[in-house]
PDB file of N, CA and C in Angstrom:
ATOM      1  N   SER A   1     187.105  85.273 164.991  1.00  0.00           N
ATOM      2  CA  SER A   1     187.008  84.548 164.140  1.00  0.00           C
ATOM      3  C   SER A   1     186.271  82.869 165.035  1.00  0.00           C
ATOM      4  N   GLY A   2     185.125  82.493 164.597  1.00  0.00           N
ATOM      5  CA  GLY A   2     184.374  81.644 165.516  1.00  0.00           C
ATOM      6  C   GLY A   2     183.928  82.252 166.440  1.00  0.00           C
ATOM      7  N   LYS A   3     183.692  83.349 167.246  1.00  0.00           N
ATOM      8  CA  LYS A   3     183.146  83.906 167.608  1.00  0.00           C
ATOM      9  C   LYS A   3     181.599  83.964 167.780  1.00  0.00           C
ATOM     10  N   LEU A   4     180.853  84.363 168.719  1.00  0.00           N
ATOM     11  CA  LEU A   4     179.285  84.913 168.477  1.00  0.00           C
ATOM     12  C   LEU A   4     179.265  86.322 168.913  1.00  0.00           C
ATOM     13  N   ALA A   5     178.942  87.057 167.912  1.00  0.00           N
ATOM     14  CA  ALA A   5     178.575  88.636 167.640  1.00  0.00           C
ATOM     15  C   ALA A   5     177.203  88.764 167.653  1.00  0.00           C
ATOM     16  N   VAL A   6     176.521  89.906 168.518  1.00  0.00           N
ATOM     17  CA  VAL A   6     175.671  90.073 168.885  1.00  0.00           C
ATOM     18  C   VAL A   6     175.419  91.715 168.418  1.00  0.00           C
ATOM     19  N   VAL A   7     175.022  92.157 167.512  1.00  0.00           N
ATOM     20  CA  VAL A   7     174.533  93.065 166.852  1.00  0.00           C
ATOM     21  C   VAL A   7     173.170  93.695 167.178  1.00  0.00           C
ATOM     22  N   VAL A   8     173.205  95.080 168.009  1.00  0.00           N
ATOM     23  CA  VAL A   8     171.927  95.287 168.549  1.00  0.00           C
ATOM     24  C   VAL A   8     171.653  96.753 167.950  1.00  0.00           C
ATOM     25  N   GLY A   9     170.542  96.818 167.048  1.00  0.00           N
ATOM     26  CA  GLY A   9     170.692  97.665 166.091  1.00  0.00           C
ATOM     27  C   GLY A   9     170.745  97.436 164.348  1.00  0.00           C
ATOM     28  N   ARG A  10     169.392  97.705 163.693  1.00  0.00           N
ATOM     29  CA  ARG A  10     169.582  97.132 162.348  1.00  0.00           C
ATOM     30  C   ARG A  10     169.867  98.297 160.891  1.00  0.00           C
ATOM     31  N   SER A  11     170.248  99.565 161.456  1.00  0.00           N
ATOM     32  CA  SER A  11     170.513 100.539 161.144  1.00  0.00           C
ATOM     33  C   SER A  11     170.968 100.375 159.701  1.00  0.00           C
ATOM     34  N   GLU A  12     171.172 100.910 158.675  1.00  0.00           N
ATOM     35  CA  GLU A  12     171.443 100.889 157.390  1.00  0.00           C
ATOM     36  C   GLU A  12     173.117 101.855 157.612  1.00  0.00           C
ATOM     37  N   THR A  13     173.045 102.570 158.408  1.00  0.00           N
ATOM     38  CA  THR A  13     174.502 103.136 158.702  1.00  0.00           C
ATOM     39  C   THR A  13     175.497 102.317 159.762  1.00  0.00           C
ATOM     40  N   VAL A  14     175.388 101.627 160.444  1.00  0.00           N
ATOM     41  CA  VAL A  14     175.718 100.729 161.197  1.00  0.00           C
ATOM     42  C   VAL A  14     175.456  99.701 161.716  1.00  0.00           C
ATOM     43  N   GLY A  15     174.414  99.120 162.040  1.00  0.00           N
ATOM     44  CA  GLY A  15     173.351  97.665 162.388  1.00  0.00           C
ATOM     45  C   GLY A  15     174.048  96.665 161.313  1.00  0.00           C
ATOM     46  N   LYS A  16     173.497  96.934 159.796  1.00  0.00           N
ATOM     47  CA  LYS A  16     173.871  96.112 159.023  1.00  0.00           C
ATOM     48  C   LYS A  16     175.093  95.828 158.363  1.00  0.00           C
ATOM     49  N   PRO A  17     175.826  96.918 158.161  1.00  0.00           N
ATOM     50  CA  PRO A  17     177.261  96.874 157.764  1.00  0.00           C
ATOM     51  C   PRO A  17     178.092  96.639 158.745  1.00  0.00           C
ATOM     52  N   MET A  18     178.091  96.288 159.974  1.00  0.00           N
ATOM     53  CA  MET A  18     178.484  95.503 161.028  1.00  0.00           C
ATOM     54  C   MET A  18     178.166  94.171 160.927  1.00  0.00           C
ATOM     55  N   ALA A  19     176.706  94.126 160.917  1.00  0.00           N
ATOM     56  CA  ALA A  19     176.953  92.770 160.318  1.00  0.00           C
ATOM     57  C   ALA A  19     177.591  91.635 159.372  1.00  0.00           C
ATOM     58  N   LEU A  20     177.567  92.541 158.347  1.00  0.00           N
ATOM     59  CA  LEU A  20     178.049  91.547 156.926  1.00  0.00           C
ATOM     60  C   LEU A  20     179.644  91.842 157.582  1.00  0.00           C
ATOM     61  N   MET A  21     179.993  92.929 158.117  1.00  0.00           N
ATOM     62  CA  MET A  21     181.839  92.974 157.944  1.00  0.00           C
ATOM     63  C   MET A  21     182.825  91.960 159.361  1.00  0.00           C
ATOM     64  N   LEU A  22     181.419  91.204 160.395  1.00  0.00           N
ATOM     65  CA  LEU A  22     182.022  90.324 161.169  1.00  0.00           C
ATOM     66  C   LEU A  22     181.546  89.394 160.667  1.00  0.00           C
ATOM     67  N   MET A  23     180.407  89.010 159.757  1.00  0.00           N
ATOM     68  CA  MET A  23     180.194  87.712 158.927  1.00  0.00           C
ATOM     69  C   MET A  23     181.799  87.391 158.026  1.00  0.00           C
ATOM     70  N   GLN A  24     181.861  88.655 157.454  1.00  0.00           N
ATOM     71  CA  GLN A  24     183.405  88.334 156.122  1.00  0.00           C
ATOM     72  C   GLN A  24     184.062  87.495 156.278  1.00  0.00           C
ATOM     73  N   ARG A  25     185.168  86.872 155.895  1.00  0.00           N
ATOM     74  CA  ARG A  25     186.043  85.701 155.830  1.00  0.00           C
ATOM     75  C   ARG A  25     186.949  86.685 155.993  1.00  0.00           C
ATOM     76  N   GLY A  26     188.479  86.532 156.804  1.00  0.00           N
ATOM     77  CA  GLY A  26     189.875  87.042 156.895  1.00  0.00           C
ATOM     78  C   GLY A  26     189.561  87.806 158.045  1.00  0.00           C
ATOM     79  N   ALA A  27     190.337  88.784 158.328  1.00  0.00           N
ATOM     80  CA  ALA A  27     190.719  89.832 159.573  1.00  0.00           C
ATOM     81  C   ALA A  27     189.522  90.326 160.105  1.00  0.00           C
ATOM     82  N   GLY A  28     189.227  90.021 161.270  1.00  0.00           N
ATOM     83  CA  GLY A  28     188.364  90.819 162.045  1.00  0.00           C
ATOM     84  C   GLY A  28     186.658  90.064 161.475  1.00  0.00           C
ATOM     85  N   GLY A  29     186.812  88.956 161.028  1.00  0.00           N
ATOM     86  CA  GLY A  29     185.428  88.471 160.553  1.00  0.00           C
ATOM     87  C   GLY A  29     185.244  86.646 160.751  1.00  0.00           C
ATOM     88  N   ASP A  30     184.714  86.264 160.077  1.00  0.00           N
ATOM     89  CA  ASP A  30     184.063  84.961 160.482  1.00  0.00           C
ATOM     90  C   ASP A  30     183.413  84.206 161.776  1.00  0.00           C
ATOM     91  N   ALA A  31     182.812  85.576 161.851  1.00  0.00           N
ATOM     92  CA  ALA A  31     181.900  85.606 163.531  1.00  0.00           C
ATOM     93  C   ALA A  31     180.831  84.733 162.990  1.00  0.00           C
ATOM     94  N   THR A  32     179.691  83.972 164.180  1.00  0.00           N
ATOM     95  CA  THR A  32     178.675  83.521 163.888  1.00  0.00           C
ATOM     96  C   THR A  32     177.368  85.192 164.292  1.00  0.00           C
ATOM     97  N   VAL A  33     176.868  86.186 163.302  1.00  0.00           N
ATOM     98  CA  VAL A  33     176.280  86.841 163.748  1.00  0.00           C
ATOM     99  C   VAL A  33     174.547  87.213 163.549  1.00  0.00           C
ATOM    100  N   THR A  34     174.009  87.461 165.152  1.00  0.00           N
ATOM    101  CA  THR A  34     172.653  88.044 165.622  1.00  0.00           C
ATOM    102  C   THR A  34     173.068  88.974 165.369  1.00  0.00           C
ATOM    103  N   VAL A  35     171.778  89.214 164.559  1.00  0.00           N
ATOM    104  CA  VAL A  35     171.017  91.089 164.108  1.00  0.00           C
ATOM    105  C   VAL A  35     169.649  91.351 165.388  1.00  0.00           C
ATOM    106  N   CYS A  36     169.283  92.104 166.164  1.00  0.00           N
ATOM    107  CA  CYS A  36     168.494  92.483 167.425  1.00  0.00           C
ATOM    108  C   CYS A  36     168.387  93.967 166.961  1.00  0.00           C
ATOM    109  N   HIS A  37     167.236  94.178 167.678  1.00  0.00           N
ATOM    110  CA  HIS A  37     166.712  95.722 168.016  1.00  0.00           C
ATOM    111  C   HIS A  37     165.891  95.098 169.131  1.00  0.00           C
ATOM    112  N   SER A  38     165.553  97.098 169.265  1.00  0.00           N
ATOM    113  CA  SER A  38     164.728  96.998 170.690  1.00  0.00           C
ATOM    114  C   SER A  38     163.254  96.242 170.596  1.00  0.00           C
ATOM    115  N   LYS A  39     162.782  95.604 169.725  1.00  0.00           N
ATOM    116  CA  LYS A  39     161.327  94.678 169.601  1.00  0.00           C
ATOM    117  C   LYS A  39     162.007  93.899 169.641  1.00  0.00           C
ATOM    118  N   THR A  40     163.128  93.121 169.347  1.00  0.00           N
ATOM    119  CA  THR A  40     163.604  91.850 169.595  1.00  0.00           C
ATOM    120  C   THR A  40     163.023  90.807 171.318  1.00  0.00           C
ATOM    121  N   PRO A  41     162.084  89.537 171.062  1.00  0.00           N
ATOM    122  CA  PRO A  41     161.823  89.400 172.055  1.00  0.00           C
ATOM    123  C   PRO A  41     162.976  88.472 173.000  1.00  0.00           C
ATOM    124  N   LYS A  42     162.941  88.644 173.918  1.00  0.00           N
ATOM    125  CA  LYS A  42     163.440  88.698 175.397  1.00  0.00           C
ATOM    126  C   LYS A  42     165.516  88.595 174.735  1.00  0.00           C
ATOM    127  N   LEU A  43     165.401  89.969 174.519  1.00  0.00           N
ATOM    128  CA  LEU A  43     166.420  90.779 173.984  1.00  0.00           C
ATOM    129  C   LEU A  43     167.902  90.210 174.988  1.00  0.00           C
ATOM    130  N   SER A  44     167.257  90.660 176.309  1.00  0.00           N
ATOM    131  CA  SER A  44     168.688  90.371 177.266  1.00  0.00           C
ATOM    132  C   SER A  44     169.043  88.630 177.356  1.00  0.00           C
ATOM    133  N   GLU A  45     168.592  87.688 176.912  1.00  0.00           N
ATOM    134  CA  GLU A  45     169.023  86.313 176.568  1.00  0.00           C
ATOM    135  C   GLU A  45     169.886  86.176 175.328  1.00  0.00           C
ATOM    136  N   VAL A  46     169.751  87.014 174.465  1.00  0.00           N
ATOM    137  CA  VAL A  46     170.123  86.965 173.185  1.00  0.00           C
ATOM    138  C   VAL A  46     171.821  87.718 173.504  1.00  0.00           C
ATOM    139  N   THR A  47     171.484  88.952 174.097  1.00  0.00           N
ATOM    140  CA  THR A  47     172.374  89.523 174.251  1.00  0.00           C
ATOM    141  C   THR A  47     174.067  88.716 175.353  1.00  0.00           C
ATOM    142  N   ARG A  48     172.833  88.458 176.027  1.00  0.00           N
ATOM    143  CA  ARG A  48     174.280  87.814 177.428  1.00  0.00           C
ATOM    144  C   ARG A  48     174.699  86.425 176.305  1.00  0.00           C
ATOM    145  N   ARG A  49     174.553  86.068 175.616  1.00  0.00           N
ATOM    146  CA  ARG A  49     175.189  84.813 174.694  1.00  0.00           C
ATOM    147  C   ARG A  49     176.442  85.207 174.081  1.00  0.00           C
ATOM    148  N   ALA A  50     176.382  86.187 174.010  1.00  0.00           N
ATOM    149  CA  ALA A  50     177.077  87.035 172.729  1.00  0.00           C
ATOM    150  C   ALA A  50     178.816  87.430 173.627  1.00  0.00           C
ATOM    151  N   ASP A  51     179.810  86.663 172.505  1.00  0.00           N
ATOM    152  CA  ASP A  51     181.071  87.289 173.171  1.00  0.00           C
ATOM    153  C   ASP A  51     181.690  88.830 172.225  1.00  0.00           C
ATOM    154  N   ILE A  52     180.800  89.045 171.832  1.00  0.00           N
ATOM    155  CA  ILE A  52     181.124  89.766 171.585  1.00  0.00           C
ATOM    156  C   ILE A  52     179.883  91.208 170.920  1.00  0.00           C
ATOM    157  N   LEU A  53     179.772  92.402 171.462  1.00  0.00           N
ATOM    158  CA  LEU A  53     178.182  93.107 171.578  1.00  0.00           C
ATOM    159  C   LEU A  53     178.581  94.621 171.073  1.00  0.00           C
ATOM    160  N   ILE A  54     177.756  94.717 170.219  1.00  0.00           N
ATOM    161  CA  ILE A  54     177.788  95.943 169.130  1.00  0.00           C
ATOM    162  C   ILE A  54     176.834  96.672 169.321  1.00  0.00           C
ATOM    163  N   VAL A  55     176.556  97.893 170.126  1.00  0.00           N
ATOM    164  CA  VAL A  55     175.383  98.444 170.182  1.00  0.00           C
ATOM    165  C   VAL A  55     175.114  99.659 169.673  1.00  0.00           C
ATOM    166  N   ALA A  56     173.981  99.759 168.777  1.00  0.00           N
ATOM    167  CA  ALA A  56     173.934 100.958 168.162  1.00  0.00           C
ATOM    168  C   ALA A  56     172.226 101.207 168.033  1.00  0.00           C
ATOM    169  N   ILE A  57     171.503 101.292 169.220  1.00  0.00           N
ATOM    170  CA  ILE A  57     170.736 101.314 169.490  1.00  0.00           C
ATOM    171  C   ILE A  57     169.412 102.184 169.049  1.00  0.00           C
ATOM    172  N   GLY A  58     170.642 103.556 169.386  1.00  0.00           N
ATOM    173  CA  GLY A  58     169.661 104.960 169.711  1.00  0.00           C
ATOM    174  C   GLY A  58     168.877 104.883 170.772  1.00  0.00           C
ATOM    175  N   LYS A  59     169.328 104.445 172.043  1.00  0.00           N
ATOM    176  CA  LYS A  59     168.731 104.818 173.353  1.00  0.00           C
ATOM    177  C   LYS A  59     169.422 105.012 174.302  1.00  0.00           C
ATOM    178  N   PRO A  60     169.486 105.826 174.731  1.00  0.00           N
ATOM    179  CA  PRO A  60     170.379 106.208 175.940  1.00  0.00           C
ATOM    180  C   PRO A  60     170.633 105.451 177.091  1.00  0.00           C
ATOM    181  N   GLN A  61     171.446 104.667 177.484  1.00  0.00           N
ATOM    182  CA  GLN A  61     171.587 103.408 178.599  1.00  0.00           C
ATOM    183  C   GLN A  61     171.152 102.195 178.489  1.00  0.00           C
ATOM    184  N   PHE A  62     170.595 101.741 177.268  1.00  0.00           N
ATOM    185  CA  PHE A  62     169.671 100.861 177.282  1.00  0.00           C
ATOM    186  C   PHE A  62     170.369  99.365 177.494  1.00  0.00           C
ATOM    187  N   ILE A  63     171.709  99.171 177.413  1.00  0.00           N
ATOM    188  CA  ILE A  63     172.165  98.049 177.440  1.00  0.00           C
ATOM    189  C   ILE A  63     173.072  98.134 178.832  1.00  0.00           C
ATOM    190  N   THR A  64     172.412  96.906 180.224  1.00  0.00           N
ATOM    191  CA  THR A  64     173.133  97.019 181.186  1.00  0.00           C
ATOM    192  C   THR A  64     173.765  95.854 181.680  1.00  0.00           C
ATOM    193  N   ALA A  65     174.221  95.963 182.740  1.00  0.00           N
ATOM    194  CA  ALA A  65     175.424  95.006 183.011  1.00  0.00           C
ATOM    195  C   ALA A  65     174.686  93.393 183.508  1.00  0.00           C
ATOM    196  N   ASP A  66     173.136  93.500 183.312  1.00  0.00           N
ATOM    197  CA  ASP A  66     172.377  92.032 183.391  1.00  0.00           C
ATOM    198  C   ASP A  66     172.058  91.638 181.959  1.00  0.00           C
ATOM    199  N   MET A  67     172.623  92.166 181.106  1.00  0.00           N
ATOM    200  CA  MET A  67     172.135  91.620 179.785  1.00  0.00           C
ATOM    201  C   MET A  67     173.918  91.722 179.190  1.00  0.00           C
ATOM    202  N   VAL A  68     174.813  91.143 179.823  1.00  0.00           N
ATOM    203  CA  VAL A  68     176.063  91.719 178.932  1.00  0.00           C
ATOM    204  C   VAL A  68     176.935  90.287 179.720  1.00  0.00           C
ATOM    205  N   LYS A  69     177.477  89.187 178.818  1.00  0.00           N
ATOM    206  CA  LYS A  69     177.468  88.099 179.424  1.00  0.00           C
ATOM    207  C   LYS A  69     179.097  88.330 179.460  1.00  0.00           C
ATOM    208  N   PRO A  70     179.850  87.456 181.278  1.00  0.00           N
ATOM    209  CA  PRO A  70     181.115  88.580 181.676  1.00  0.00           C
ATOM    210  C   PRO A  70     182.107  88.127 180.843  1.00  0.00           C
ATOM    211  N   GLY A  71     182.741  89.050 180.649  1.00  0.00           N
ATOM    212  CA  GLY A  71     184.325  88.512 179.812  1.00  0.00           C
ATOM    213  C   GLY A  71     183.801  88.891 178.339  1.00  0.00           C
ATOM    214  N   ALA A  72     182.914  89.674 178.087  1.00  0.00           N
ATOM    215  CA  ALA A  72     182.625  90.247 176.293  1.00  0.00           C
ATOM    216  C   ALA A  72     182.940  91.441 176.348  1.00  0.00           C
ATOM    217  N   VAL A  73     183.339  91.809 174.925  1.00  0.00           N
ATOM    218  CA  VAL A  73     183.557  92.616 174.312  1.00  0.00           C
ATOM    219  C   VAL A  73     182.801  93.342 174.059  1.00  0.00           C
ATOM    220  N   VAL A  74     182.537  94.888 174.325  1.00  0.00           N
ATOM    221  CA  VAL A  74     181.056  95.654 174.225  1.00  0.00           C
ATOM    222  C   VAL A  74     181.394  96.662 173.606  1.00  0.00           C
ATOM    223  N   VAL A  75     181.209  97.367 172.105  1.00  0.00           N
ATOM    224  CA  VAL A  75     181.424  98.031 171.440  1.00  0.00           C
ATOM    225  C   VAL A  75     180.078  99.356 171.307  1.00  0.00           C
ATOM    226  N   ASP A  76     180.291 100.276 171.658  1.00  0.00           N
ATOM    227  CA  ASP A  76     179.028 101.210 171.980  1.00  0.00           C
ATOM    228  C   ASP A  76     179.357 102.374 170.704  1.00  0.00           C
ATOM    229  N   VAL A  77     178.367 102.404 169.992  1.00  0.00           N
ATOM    230  CA  VAL A  77     178.311 103.178 168.750  1.00  0.00           C
ATOM    231  C   VAL A  77     177.501 104.312 169.046  1.00  0.00           C
ATOM    232  N   GLY A  78     176.596 104.263 170.086  1.00  0.00           N
ATOM    233  CA  GLY A  78     175.191 105.321 170.606  1.00  0.00           C
ATOM    234  C   GLY A  78     176.117 106.047 170.951  1.00  0.00           C
ATOM    235  N   ILE A  79     175.441 108.320 171.212  1.00  0.00           N
ATOM    236  CA  ILE A  79     175.959 109.000 171.710  1.00  0.00           C
ATOM    237  C   ILE A  79     174.756 109.975 171.769  1.00  0.00           C
ATOM    238  N   HIS A  80     174.505 110.403 172.977  1.00  0.00           N
ATOM    239  CA  HIS A  80     173.527 110.875 173.737  1.00  0.00           C
ATOM    240  C   HIS A  80     174.075 111.695 174.378  1.00  0.00           C
ATOM    241  N   ARG A  81     173.172 113.018 174.194  1.00  0.00           N
ATOM    242  CA  ARG A  81     173.157 114.495 175.245  1.00  0.00           C
ATOM    243  C   ARG A  81     172.452 114.250 176.740  1.00  0.00           C
ATOM    244  N   THR A  82     172.659 113.533 177.860  1.00  0.00           N
ATOM    245  CA  THR A  82     171.659 113.876 178.947  1.00  0.00           C
ATOM    246  C   THR A  82     172.180 114.682 179.784  1.00  0.00           C
ATOM    247  N   GLY A  83     171.511 115.823 180.162  1.00  0.00           N
ATOM    248  CA  GLY A  83     171.776 116.909 180.656  1.00  0.00           C
ATOM    249  C   GLY A  83     173.420 117.589 180.156  1.00  0.00           C
ATOM    250  N   LYS A  84     174.528 117.424 181.209  1.00  0.00           N
ATOM    251  CA  LYS A  84     175.770 118.069 180.832  1.00  0.00           C
ATOM    252  C   LYS A  84     176.791 117.208 180.406  1.00  0.00           C
ATOM    253  N   ARG A  85     176.014 116.113 180.474  1.00  0.00           N
ATOM    254  CA  ARG A  85     176.946 114.884 180.311  1.00  0.00           C
ATOM    255  C   ARG A  85     176.368 113.948 179.296  1.00  0.00           C
ATOM    256  N   LEU A  86     177.682 113.545 178.160  1.00  0.00           N
ATOM    257  CA  LEU A  86     177.426 112.391 177.051  1.00  0.00           C
ATOM    258  C   LEU A  86     177.444 111.052 177.141  1.00  0.00           C
ATOM    259  N   VAL A  87     177.002 110.162 177.049  1.00  0.00           N
ATOM    260  CA  VAL A  87     176.665 109.049 177.222  1.00  0.00           C
ATOM    261  C   VAL A  87     175.881 108.129 176.032  1.00  0.00           C
ATOM    262  N   GLY A  88     176.437 106.649 176.077  1.00  0.00           N
ATOM    263  CA  GLY A  88     176.088 106.033 174.969  1.00  0.00           C
ATOM    264  C   GLY A  88     174.884 105.502 175.315  1.00  0.00           C
ATOM    265  N   ASP A  89     174.856 104.023 174.085  1.00  0.00           N
ATOM    266  CA  ASP A  89     173.830 103.420 174.043  1.00  0.00           C
ATOM    267  C   ASP A  89     174.012 102.112 175.060  1.00  0.00           C
ATOM    268  N   VAL A  90     175.277 102.182 175.922  1.00  0.00           N
ATOM    269  CA  VAL A  90     175.518 101.299 176.500  1.00  0.00           C
ATOM    270  C   VAL A  90     175.691 101.505 178.386  1.00  0.00           C
ATOM    271  N   ASP A  91     174.957 101.221 179.210  1.00  0.00           N
ATOM    272  CA  ASP A  91     175.742 101.798 180.654  1.00  0.00           C
ATOM    273  C   ASP A  91     176.807 101.293 181.465  1.00  0.00           C
ATOM    274  N   PHE A  92     177.843 102.334 180.518  1.00  0.00           N
ATOM    275  CA  PHE A  92     179.094 101.962 180.954  1.00  0.00           C
ATOM    276  C   PHE A  92     179.713 101.769 182.130  1.00  0.00           C
ATOM    277  N   ASP A  93     179.090 102.498 183.343  1.00  0.00           N
ATOM    278  CA  ASP A  93     179.360 102.089 184.419  1.00  0.00           C
ATOM    279  C   ASP A  93     178.914 100.634 185.180  1.00  0.00           C
ATOM    280  N   SER A  94     177.968 100.311 184.680  1.00  0.00           N
ATOM    281  CA  SER A  94     177.890  98.779 185.341  1.00  0.00           C
ATOM    282  C   SER A  94     178.559  97.689 184.217  1.00  0.00           C
ATOM    283  N   VAL A  95     178.624  98.125 182.665  1.00  0.00           N
ATOM    284  CA  VAL A  95     178.459  97.677 181.635  1.00  0.00           C
ATOM    285  C   VAL A  95     180.458  97.174 182.033  1.00  0.00           C
ATOM    286  N   SER A  96     180.999  98.011 182.561  1.00  0.00           N
ATOM    287  CA  SER A  96     182.433  97.633 182.578  1.00  0.00           C
ATOM    288  C   SER A  96     182.769  97.472 183.584  1.00  0.00           C
ATOM    289  N   GLN A  97     182.250  96.581 184.695  1.00  0.00           N
ATOM    290  CA  GLN A  97     182.310  96.076 185.884  1.00  0.00           C
ATOM    291  C   GLN A  97     182.033  94.147 185.252  1.00  0.00           C
ATOM    292  N   VAL A  98     181.187  94.397 183.961  1.00  0.00           N
ATOM    293  CA  VAL A  98     181.044  92.956 183.479  1.00  0.00           C
ATOM    294  C   VAL A  98     182.206  92.172 182.091  1.00  0.00           C
ATOM    295  N   ALA A  99     181.894  93.199 180.953  1.00  0.00           N
ATOM    296  CA  ALA A  99     182.789  93.329 180.270  1.00  0.00           C
ATOM    297  C   ALA A  99     184.270  93.189 180.344  1.00  0.00           C
ATOM    298  N   SER A 100     184.816  92.351 179.553  1.00  0.00           N
ATOM    299  CA  SER A 100     186.796  92.316 179.642  1.00  0.00           C
ATOM    300  C   SER A 100     187.106  93.608 178.745  1.00  0.00           C
ATOM    301  N   ARG A 101     186.321  94.189 177.720  1.00  0.00           N
ATOM    302  CA  ARG A 101     186.527  95.294 177.361  1.00  0.00           C
ATOM    303  C   ARG A 101     185.759  96.005 176.851  1.00  0.00           C
ATOM    304  N   ILE A 102     185.744  97.667 176.553  1.00  0.00           N
ATOM    305  CA  ILE A 102     184.340  98.307 176.396  1.00  0.00           C
ATOM    306  C   ILE A 102     184.852  99.419 175.643  1.00  0.00           C
ATOM    307  N   THR A 103     184.217  99.695 174.852  1.00  0.00           N
ATOM    308  CA  THR A 103     184.209 100.841 174.280  1.00  0.00           C
ATOM    309  C   THR A 103     183.768 102.150 175.087  1.00  0.00           C
ATOM    310  N   PRO A 104     184.586 103.338 175.205  1.00  0.00           N
ATOM    311  CA  PRO A 104     184.171 104.748 176.140  1.00  0.00           C
ATOM    312  C   PRO A 104     183.235 105.466 174.858  1.00  0.00           C
ATOM    313  N   VAL A 105     182.360 106.238 175.899  1.00  0.00           N
ATOM    314  CA  VAL A 105     181.292 107.950 174.908  1.00  0.00           C
ATOM    315  C   VAL A 105     181.693 108.869 176.149  1.00  0.00           C
ATOM    316  N   PRO A 106     182.486 109.392 175.625  1.00  0.00           N
ATOM    317  CA  PRO A 106     182.922 109.655 174.274  1.00  0.00           C
ATOM    318  C   PRO A 106     183.857 109.266 174.395  1.00  0.00           C
ATOM    319  N   GLY A 107     184.908 109.041 173.236  1.00  0.00           N
ATOM    320  CA  GLY A 107     186.521 108.782 173.291  1.00  0.00           C
ATOM    321  C   GLY A 107     186.476 107.368 172.417  1.00  0.00           C
ATOM    322  N   GLY A 108     185.258 107.020 171.934  1.00  0.00           N
ATOM    323  CA  GLY A 108     185.074 105.530 171.392  1.00  0.00           C
ATOM    324  C   GLY A 108     185.682 105.430 170.039  1.00  0.00           C
ATOM    325  N   VAL A 109     184.457 104.982 169.354  1.00  0.00           N
ATOM    326  CA  VAL A 109     184.093 104.880 167.824  1.00  0.00           C
ATOM    327  C   VAL A 109     183.462 106.554 167.520  1.00  0.00           C
ATOM    328  N   GLY A 110     183.262 107.222 168.280  1.00  0.00           N
ATOM    329  CA  GLY A 110     183.094 108.844 167.529  1.00  0.00           C
ATOM    330  C   GLY A 110     184.284 109.327 166.654  1.00  0.00           C
ATOM    331  N   PRO A 111     185.279 109.117 166.521  1.00  0.00           N
ATOM    332  CA  PRO A 111     186.127 109.321 165.206  1.00  0.00           C
ATOM    333  C   PRO A 111     186.256 108.685 164.477  1.00  0.00           C
ATOM    334  N   LEU A 112     186.036 107.763 164.314  1.00  0.00           N
ATOM    335  CA  LEU A 112     185.504 107.174 163.134  1.00  0.00           C
ATOM    336  C   LEU A 112     184.467 107.139 162.299  1.00  0.00           C
ATOM    337  N   THR A 113     183.017 107.410 163.281  1.00  0.00           N
ATOM    338  CA  THR A 113     181.628 107.698 162.945  1.00  0.00           C
ATOM    339  C   THR A 113     182.206 108.852 162.377  1.00  0.00           C
ATOM    340  N   VAL A 114     182.654 110.168 162.391  1.00  0.00           N
ATOM    341  CA  VAL A 114     182.788 111.599 161.817  1.00  0.00           C
ATOM    342  C   VAL A 114     183.696 111.023 160.879  1.00  0.00           C
ATOM    343  N   THR A 115     184.452 110.101 160.736  1.00  0.00           N
ATOM    344  CA  THR A 115     185.575 109.764 159.211  1.00  0.00           C
ATOM    345  C   THR A 115     184.624 109.591 158.313  1.00  0.00           C
ATOM    346  N   ILE A 116     184.223 108.951 158.561  1.00  0.00           N
ATOM    347  CA  ILE A 116     182.856 107.873 157.772  1.00  0.00           C
ATOM    348  C   ILE A 116     181.971 108.807 157.002  1.00  0.00           C
ATOM    349  N   LEU A 117     181.372 109.655 158.520  1.00  0.00           N
ATOM    350  CA  LEU A 117     180.408 110.649 157.804  1.00  0.00           C
ATOM    351  C   LEU A 117     180.887 111.504 156.644  1.00  0.00           C
ATOM    352  N   LEU A 118     182.507 112.151 156.920  1.00  0.00           N
ATOM    353  CA  LEU A 118     183.063 113.037 155.851  1.00  0.00           C
ATOM    354  C   LEU A 118     183.476 112.344 154.892  1.00  0.00           C
ATOM    355  N   VAL A 119     183.539 110.873 154.529  1.00  0.00           N
ATOM    356  CA  VAL A 119     184.042 110.463 153.551  1.00  0.00           C
ATOM    357  C   VAL A 119     183.067 110.407 152.682  1.00  0.00           C
ATOM    358  N   ASN A 120     181.421 110.032 153.203  1.00  0.00           N
ATOM    359  CA  ASN A 120     180.519 109.890 152.407  1.00  0.00           C
ATOM    360  C   ASN A 120     179.949 111.043 151.555  1.00  0.00           C
ATOM    361  N   THR A 121     180.091 112.183 153.097  1.00  0.00           N
ATOM    362  CA  THR A 121     179.712 113.437 152.192  1.00  0.00           C
ATOM    363  C   THR A 121     180.922 113.878 151.003  1.00  0.00           C
ATOM    364  N   LEU A 122     181.876 113.515 150.804  1.00  0.00           N
ATOM    365  CA  LEU A 122     182.768 113.777 149.809  1.00  0.00           C
ATOM    366  C   LEU A 122     182.554 113.127 148.768  1.00  0.00           C
ATOM    367  N   ALA A 123     182.243 111.920 148.794  1.00  0.00           N
ATOM    368  CA  ALA A 123     181.533 110.850 147.819  1.00  0.00           C
ATOM    369  C   ALA A 123     180.028 111.524 147.019  1.00  0.00           C
ATOM    370  N   ALA A 124     179.166 112.250 148.017  1.00  0.00           N
ATOM    371  CA  ALA A 124     178.185 112.609 147.815  1.00  0.00           C
ATOM    372  C   ALA A 124     178.463 113.729 146.795  1.00  0.00           C
ATOM    373  N   ALA A 125     179.394 114.564 147.315  1.00  0.00           N
ATOM    374  CA  ALA A 125     179.580 115.718 146.277  1.00  0.00           C
ATOM    375  C   ALA A 125     180.694 115.655 145.215  1.00  0.00           C
ATOM    376  N   HIS A 126     181.054 114.524 145.019  1.00  0.00           N
ATOM    377  CA  HIS A 126     181.613 114.630 143.631  1.00  0.00           C
ATOM    378  C   HIS A 126     180.903 113.490 142.739  1.00  0.00           C
ATOM    379  N   LEU A 127     180.024 113.212 143.326  1.00  0.00           N
ATOM    380  CA  LEU A 127     178.377 112.935 142.379  1.00  0.00           C
ATOM    381  C   LEU A 127     177.561 113.807 142.248  1.00  0.00           C
ATOM    382  N   GLN A 128     177.419 114.745 142.316  1.00  0.00           N
ATOM    383  CA  GLN A 128     176.537 115.779 141.875  1.00  0.00           C
ATOM    384  C   GLN A 128     177.385 116.877 141.127  1.00  0.00           C
ATOM    385  N   ARG A 129     178.497 116.449 140.697  1.00  0.00           N
ATOM    386  CA  ARG A 129     179.131 116.992 139.599  1.00  0.00           C
ATOM    387  C   ARG A 129     178.745 116.877 138.394  1.00  0.00           C
TER     388      ARG A 129
END
């Protein structure tokens, strides 16, 4: 409540719903929210102001330590295979040195993503009846 949240990514599945949830009143909401994307001018200036940084931009290791406010909470929604390794939209190794909390990839929000995908698949199947 009262924190500045920046959502990097404007997708219908993550970015926009996350921005709305962060703005809603009550538990987990009441944040001031800015939504950005890869073409936002001076993106790093915006992300460095965030108390809460949600990243769903779809580009591997796009967010680096110099783009994060010291002590920020960083939620990495992305997942990419680079060689034999899975990485997120955030450069975990560098950003974890700056952030107070950061979600890992894999093992962070992935299980929630799979759950929502299955719920939506089930809902779509019921609509086909």
